[in-house]
């Protein structure tokens, strides 16, 4: 047999093999990407990630000082209840907690327990939520940096966030930090409740 005849037979067999068999799906005949089931998605995530909701308490820009304090204090109570040292977090109007729990020398399993039990209670700022959930976050950060530079505040993108080159601005220019963030993220922030 010639090579072209063998090639023709091989191609024909491949085409027939692709058309054979039974169709066990209820596909409408349109190519699509299979969506993972809820159980498959949960199996891929750690137990802490599977239980943590996408919506943590949001500290809105218009939230009162009392509301901000209340949200932080709820999270701090949870930290303390799950093994975090009392001296590591402070409740009240001037209170706060560490951004990175691994900075503390905690007993084995404590960080994981805190993330599991308290992750859904940790308050976040709108820009933190945008970083987690907004697919256009990088574009918004670039717009924020452009705005800051246009108003005389030398800024760059560093670690996926705006960073000021010359430190904090004067009090008279400080408003540009909030103004530029609101302008750059306006379309995303408008979706927040």
C-alpha atoms as a PDB file:
ATOM      1  CA  UNK A   1       0.000   0.000   0.000  1.00  0.00           C
ATOM      2  CA  UNK A   2       1.107   3.503  -0.596  1.00  0.00           C
ATOM      3  CA  UNK A   3       1.708   6.013   2.187  1.00  0.00           C
ATOM      4  CA  UNK A   4      -1.154   8.240   1.063  1.00  0.00           C
ATOM      5  CA  UNK A   5      -3.581   5.295   1.104  1.00  0.00           C
ATOM      6  CA  UNK A   6      -2.416   4.301   4.640  1.00  0.00           C
ATOM      7  CA  UNK A   7      -2.786   7.908   5.766  1.00  0.00           C
ATOM      8  CA  UNK A   8      -6.293   8.104   4.315  1.00  0.00           C
ATOM      9  CA  UNK A   9      -7.327   4.909   6.106  1.00  0.00           C
ATOM     10  CA  UNK A  10      -5.805   6.101   9.401  1.00  0.00           C
ATOM     11  CA  UNK A  11      -7.594   9.462   9.203  1.00  0.00           C
ATOM     12  CA  UNK A  12     -10.866   7.730   8.357  1.00  0.00           C
ATOM     13  CA  UNK A  13     -10.560   5.360  11.312  1.00  0.00           C
ATOM     14  CA  UNK A  14      -9.816   8.267  13.653  1.00  0.00           C
ATOM     15  CA  UNK A  15     -12.881  10.146  12.436  1.00  0.00           C
ATOM     16  CA  UNK A  16     -15.081   7.081  12.846  1.00  0.00           C
ATOM     17  CA  UNK A  17     -13.740   6.455  16.341  1.00  0.00           C
ATOM     18  CA  UNK A  18     -14.592  10.024  17.304  1.00  0.00           C
ATOM     19  CA  UNK A  19     -18.174   9.568  16.164  1.00  0.00           C
ATOM     20  CA  UNK A  20     -18.727   6.188  17.788  1.00  0.00           C
ATOM     21  CA  UNK A  21     -20.006   5.324  21.238  1.00  0.00           C
ATOM     22  CA  UNK A  22     -23.053   6.459  23.088  1.00  0.00           C
ATOM     23  CA  UNK A  23     -23.697   9.946  24.345  1.00  0.00           C
ATOM     24  CA  UNK A  24     -24.315   9.683  28.075  1.00  0.00           C
ATOM     25  CA  UNK A  25     -24.758  13.407  28.717  1.00  0.00           C
ATOM     26  CA  UNK A  26     -27.749  15.602  28.173  1.00  0.00           C
ATOM     27  CA  UNK A  27     -25.628  18.050  26.193  1.00  0.00           C
ATOM     28  CA  UNK A  28     -27.514  20.375  23.855  1.00  0.00           C
ATOM     29  CA  UNK A  29     -24.682  19.959  21.331  1.00  0.00           C
ATOM     30  CA  UNK A  30     -22.853  23.132  22.346  1.00  0.00           C
ATOM     31  CA  UNK A  31     -19.275  23.011  23.527  1.00  0.00           C
ATOM     32  CA  UNK A  32     -19.022  24.145  27.118  1.00  0.00           C
ATOM     33  CA  UNK A  33     -16.778  23.943  30.130  1.00  0.00           C
ATOM     34  CA  UNK A  34     -18.051  21.667  32.853  1.00  0.00           C
ATOM     35  CA  UNK A  35     -18.807  23.553  36.056  1.00  0.00           C
ATOM     36  CA  UNK A  36     -17.449  21.946  39.214  1.00  0.00           C
ATOM     37  CA  UNK A  37     -20.028  20.628  41.605  1.00  0.00           C
ATOM     38  CA  UNK A  38     -20.361  22.094  45.073  1.00  0.00           C
ATOM     39  CA  UNK A  39     -18.854  18.971  46.615  1.00  0.00           C
ATOM     40  CA  UNK A  40     -15.917  19.014  44.196  1.00  0.00           C
ATOM     41  CA  UNK A  41     -15.225  22.668  44.975  1.00  0.00           C
ATOM     42  CA  UNK A  42     -15.330  22.001  48.706  1.00  0.00           C
ATOM     43  CA  UNK A  43     -12.938  19.044  48.344  1.00  0.00           C
ATOM     44  CA  UNK A  44     -10.359  21.219  46.572  1.00  0.00           C
ATOM     45  CA  UNK A  45     -10.355  23.805  49.365  1.00  0.00           C
ATOM     46  CA  UNK A  46      -9.071  23.401  52.859  1.00  0.00           C
ATOM     47  CA  UNK A  47     -11.788  23.066  55.516  1.00  0.00           C
ATOM     48  CA  UNK A  48     -11.162  26.651  56.654  1.00  0.00           C
ATOM     49  CA  UNK A  49     -11.474  28.011  53.117  1.00  0.00           C
ATOM     50  CA  UNK A  50     -14.571  25.943  52.422  1.00  0.00           C
ATOM     51  CA  UNK A  51     -16.346  27.387  55.474  1.00  0.00           C
ATOM     52  CA  UNK A  52     -15.233  31.023  55.160  1.00  0.00           C
ATOM     53  CA  UNK A  53     -17.755  33.149  53.274  1.00  0.00           C
ATOM     54  CA  UNK A  54     -16.683  35.576  50.563  1.00  0.00           C
ATOM     55  CA  UNK A  55     -18.401  38.390  52.441  1.00  0.00           C
ATOM     56  CA  UNK A  56     -16.616  39.437  55.595  1.00  0.00           C
ATOM     57  CA  UNK A  57     -17.907  42.433  57.562  1.00  0.00           C
ATOM     58  CA  UNK A  58     -17.205  45.549  55.503  1.00  0.00           C
ATOM     59  CA  UNK A  59     -15.907  48.742  57.093  1.00  0.00           C
ATOM     60  CA  UNK A  60     -17.537  51.201  54.742  1.00  0.00           C
ATOM     61  CA  UNK A  61     -16.023  54.626  54.159  1.00  0.00           C
ATOM     62  CA  UNK A  62     -19.127  56.190  55.728  1.00  0.00           C
ATOM     63  CA  UNK A  63     -19.082  53.924  58.817  1.00  0.00           C
ATOM     64  CA  UNK A  64     -19.056  55.719  62.153  1.00  0.00           C
ATOM     65  CA  UNK A  65     -16.124  55.305  64.530  1.00  0.00           C
ATOM     66  CA  UNK A  66     -18.450  53.320  66.822  1.00  0.00           C
ATOM     67  CA  UNK A  67     -19.381  50.903  64.022  1.00  0.00           C
ATOM     68  CA  UNK A  68     -15.734  50.400  63.062  1.00  0.00           C
ATOM     69  CA  UNK A  69     -14.835  49.735  66.707  1.00  0.00           C
ATOM     70  CA  UNK A  70     -17.734  47.286  67.096  1.00  0.00           C
ATOM     71  CA  UNK A  71     -16.646  45.281  64.027  1.00  0.00           C
ATOM     72  CA  UNK A  72     -13.019  45.131  65.194  1.00  0.00           C
ATOM     73  CA  UNK A  73     -14.025  44.172  68.745  1.00  0.00           C
ATOM     74  CA  UNK A  74     -16.166  41.235  67.542  1.00  0.00           C
ATOM     75  CA  UNK A  75     -13.152  39.888  65.663  1.00  0.00           C
ATOM     76  CA  UNK A  76     -10.793  40.468  68.616  1.00  0.00           C
ATOM     77  CA  UNK A  77     -13.184  38.587  70.943  1.00  0.00           C
ATOM     78  CA  UNK A  78     -13.031  35.658  68.521  1.00  0.00           C
ATOM     79  CA  UNK A  79      -9.219  35.827  68.376  1.00  0.00           C
ATOM     80  CA  UNK A  80      -8.987  35.680  72.167  1.00  0.00           C
ATOM     81  CA  UNK A  81     -11.550  32.860  72.408  1.00  0.00           C
ATOM     82  CA  UNK A  82      -9.475  30.766  70.005  1.00  0.00           C
ATOM     83  CA  UNK A  83      -6.034  31.036  71.566  1.00  0.00           C
ATOM     84  CA  UNK A  84      -4.642  34.408  70.505  1.00  0.00           C
ATOM     85  CA  UNK A  85      -2.746  36.179  73.335  1.00  0.00           C
ATOM     86  CA  UNK A  86      -4.655  39.032  74.978  1.00  0.00           C
ATOM     87  CA  UNK A  87      -1.656  41.366  74.756  1.00  0.00           C
ATOM     88  CA  UNK A  88      -1.557  40.879  70.957  1.00  0.00           C
ATOM     89  CA  UNK A  89      -4.814  42.726  70.265  1.00  0.00           C
ATOM     90  CA  UNK A  90      -6.489  45.738  71.855  1.00  0.00           C
ATOM     91  CA  UNK A  91     -10.216  46.459  71.912  1.00  0.00           C
ATOM     92  CA  UNK A  92     -11.787  49.908  71.849  1.00  0.00           C
ATOM     93  CA  UNK A  93     -11.618  53.061  69.751  1.00  0.00           C
ATOM     94  CA  UNK A  94      -7.805  53.049  69.611  1.00  0.00           C
ATOM     95  CA  UNK A  95      -7.585  49.276  69.405  1.00  0.00           C
ATOM     96  CA  UNK A  96      -6.402  46.961  66.721  1.00  0.00           C
ATOM     97  CA  UNK A  97      -5.079  43.531  65.848  1.00  0.00           C
ATOM     98  CA  UNK A  98      -2.187  42.206  63.757  1.00  0.00           C
ATOM     99  CA  UNK A  99      -2.609  41.923  60.019  1.00  0.00           C
ATOM    100  CA  UNK A 100      -0.498  38.757  59.956  1.00  0.00           C
ATOM    101  CA  UNK A 101      -1.158  36.196  62.683  1.00  0.00           C
ATOM    102  CA  UNK A 102       2.003  34.302  61.774  1.00  0.00           C
ATOM    103  CA  UNK A 103       4.067  37.189  63.183  1.00  0.00           C
ATOM    104  CA  UNK A 104       3.280  35.736  66.624  1.00  0.00           C
ATOM    105  CA  UNK A 105       4.840  32.595  68.045  1.00  0.00           C
ATOM    106  CA  UNK A 106       1.571  30.728  68.533  1.00  0.00           C
ATOM    107  CA  UNK A 107       1.107  27.097  69.517  1.00  0.00           C
ATOM    108  CA  UNK A 108       0.757  24.600  66.654  1.00  0.00           C
ATOM    109  CA  UNK A 109      -2.693  24.712  65.082  1.00  0.00           C
ATOM    110  CA  UNK A 110      -3.752  28.027  66.653  1.00  0.00           C
ATOM    111  CA  UNK A 111      -3.451  30.075  63.443  1.00  0.00           C
ATOM    112  CA  UNK A 112      -5.455  27.458  61.529  1.00  0.00           C
ATOM    113  CA  UNK A 113      -8.096  27.357  64.284  1.00  0.00           C
ATOM    114  CA  UNK A 114      -8.375  31.162  64.287  1.00  0.00           C
ATOM    115  CA  UNK A 115      -8.692  31.276  60.500  1.00  0.00           C
ATOM    116  CA  UNK A 116     -11.405  28.616  60.612  1.00  0.00           C
ATOM    117  CA  UNK A 117     -13.385  30.060  63.519  1.00  0.00           C
ATOM    118  CA  UNK A 118     -12.790  33.789  63.015  1.00  0.00           C
ATOM    119  CA  UNK A 119     -12.108  34.273  59.297  1.00  0.00           C
ATOM    120  CA  UNK A 120     -15.704  35.222  58.568  1.00  0.00           C
ATOM    121  CA  UNK A 121     -15.642  37.818  61.371  1.00  0.00           C
ATOM    122  CA  UNK A 122     -12.511  39.705  60.327  1.00  0.00           C
ATOM    123  CA  UNK A 123     -13.595  43.127  59.053  1.00  0.00           C
ATOM    124  CA  UNK A 124     -12.166  44.444  55.821  1.00  0.00           C
ATOM    125  CA  UNK A 125     -11.914  47.767  54.032  1.00  0.00           C
ATOM    126  CA  UNK A 126     -13.404  48.181  50.545  1.00  0.00           C
ATOM    127  CA  UNK A 127      -9.951  48.035  48.934  1.00  0.00           C
ATOM    128  CA  UNK A 128      -9.205  44.755  50.752  1.00  0.00           C
ATOM    129  CA  UNK A 129     -12.443  43.263  49.426  1.00  0.00           C
ATOM    130  CA  UNK A 130     -11.602  44.516  45.948  1.00  0.00           C
ATOM    131  CA  UNK A 131      -8.196  42.836  46.145  1.00  0.00           C
ATOM    132  CA  UNK A 132      -9.885  39.523  47.020  1.00  0.00           C
ATOM    133  CA  UNK A 133     -12.836  39.649  44.646  1.00  0.00           C
ATOM    134  CA  UNK A 134     -12.483  42.278  41.889  1.00  0.00           C
ATOM    135  CA  UNK A 135     -11.145  40.786  38.642  1.00  0.00           C
ATOM    136  CA  UNK A 136     -10.111  44.314  37.565  1.00  0.00           C
ATOM    137  CA  UNK A 137      -8.249  45.087  40.785  1.00  0.00           C
ATOM    138  CA  UNK A 138      -4.857  45.603  39.081  1.00  0.00           C
ATOM    139  CA  UNK A 139      -6.383  48.077  36.607  1.00  0.00           C
ATOM    140  CA  UNK A 140      -7.969  50.028  39.472  1.00  0.00           C
ATOM    141  CA  UNK A 141      -4.660  50.150  41.354  1.00  0.00           C
ATOM    142  CA  UNK A 142      -2.928  51.529  38.246  1.00  0.00           C
ATOM    143  CA  UNK A 143      -5.652  54.195  37.918  1.00  0.00           C
ATOM    144  CA  UNK A 144      -5.237  55.064  41.601  1.00  0.00           C
ATOM    145  CA  UNK A 145      -1.468  55.504  41.177  1.00  0.00           C
ATOM    146  CA  UNK A 146      -1.965  57.652  38.041  1.00  0.00           C
ATOM    147  CA  UNK A 147      -4.393  59.889  39.945  1.00  0.00           C
ATOM    148  CA  UNK A 148      -1.994  60.294  42.875  1.00  0.00           C
ATOM    149  CA  UNK A 149       0.868  61.189  40.527  1.00  0.00           C
ATOM    150  CA  UNK A 150      -1.332  63.692  38.655  1.00  0.00           C
ATOM    151  CA  UNK A 151      -1.956  65.465  41.959  1.00  0.00           C
ATOM    152  CA  UNK A 152       1.711  65.691  42.916  1.00  0.00           C
ATOM    153  CA  UNK A 153       1.940  62.645  45.186  1.00  0.00           C
ATOM    154  CA  UNK A 154       4.704  60.401  43.831  1.00  0.00           C
ATOM    155  CA  UNK A 155       3.267  56.873  43.898  1.00  0.00           C
ATOM    156  CA  UNK A 156       4.090  53.459  42.446  1.00  0.00           C
ATOM    157  CA  UNK A 157       2.515  50.010  42.504  1.00  0.00           C
ATOM    158  CA  UNK A 158       4.220  47.858  45.119  1.00  0.00           C
ATOM    159  CA  UNK A 159       2.991  44.446  46.291  1.00  0.00           C
ATOM    160  CA  UNK A 160      -0.213  44.865  44.253  1.00  0.00           C
ATOM    161  CA  UNK A 161      -1.129  48.120  46.019  1.00  0.00           C
ATOM    162  CA  UNK A 162      -0.449  51.846  45.694  1.00  0.00           C
ATOM    163  CA  UNK A 163       2.679  52.939  47.578  1.00  0.00           C
ATOM    164  CA  UNK A 164       3.870  56.476  48.225  1.00  0.00           C
ATOM    165  CA  UNK A 165       7.509  57.113  47.340  1.00  0.00           C
ATOM    166  CA  UNK A 166       8.040  60.130  49.627  1.00  0.00           C
ATOM    167  CA  UNK A 167       5.971  59.054  52.620  1.00  0.00           C
ATOM    168  CA  UNK A 168       2.631  60.454  53.696  1.00  0.00           C
ATOM    169  CA  UNK A 169       1.546  63.754  52.139  1.00  0.00           C
ATOM    170  CA  UNK A 170       0.989  67.013  53.963  1.00  0.00           C
ATOM    171  CA  UNK A 171      -2.338  67.497  55.697  1.00  0.00           C
ATOM    172  CA  UNK A 172      -3.525  69.746  52.866  1.00  0.00           C
ATOM    173  CA  UNK A 173      -2.819  67.026  50.262  1.00  0.00           C
ATOM    174  CA  UNK A 174      -3.886  64.036  52.370  1.00  0.00           C
ATOM    175  CA  UNK A 175      -7.398  64.028  50.921  1.00  0.00           C
ATOM    176  CA  UNK A 176      -5.963  62.824  47.591  1.00  0.00           C
ATOM    177  CA  UNK A 177      -5.309  59.406  49.118  1.00  0.00           C
ATOM    178  CA  UNK A 178      -9.041  58.831  49.635  1.00  0.00           C
ATOM    179  CA  UNK A 179     -10.185  60.844  46.610  1.00  0.00           C
ATOM    180  CA  UNK A 180      -7.979  58.941  44.162  1.00  0.00           C
ATOM    181  CA  UNK A 181      -8.911  55.566  45.657  1.00  0.00           C
ATOM    182  CA  UNK A 182     -12.634  56.365  45.396  1.00  0.00           C
ATOM    183  CA  UNK A 183     -12.226  57.594  41.815  1.00  0.00           C
ATOM    184  CA  UNK A 184     -10.130  54.612  40.692  1.00  0.00           C
ATOM    185  CA  UNK A 185     -12.372  51.994  42.314  1.00  0.00           C
ATOM    186  CA  UNK A 186     -15.712  53.796  41.768  1.00  0.00           C
ATOM    187  CA  UNK A 187     -17.281  51.128  39.566  1.00  0.00           C
ATOM    188  CA  UNK A 188     -16.370  48.321  41.990  1.00  0.00           C
ATOM    189  CA  UNK A 189     -17.197  50.236  45.176  1.00  0.00           C
ATOM    190  CA  UNK A 190     -20.637  51.064  43.765  1.00  0.00           C
ATOM    191  CA  UNK A 191     -21.447  47.328  43.882  1.00  0.00           C
ATOM    192  CA  UNK A 192     -20.741  47.055  47.625  1.00  0.00           C
ATOM    193  CA  UNK A 193     -23.651  47.057  50.027  1.00  0.00           C
END
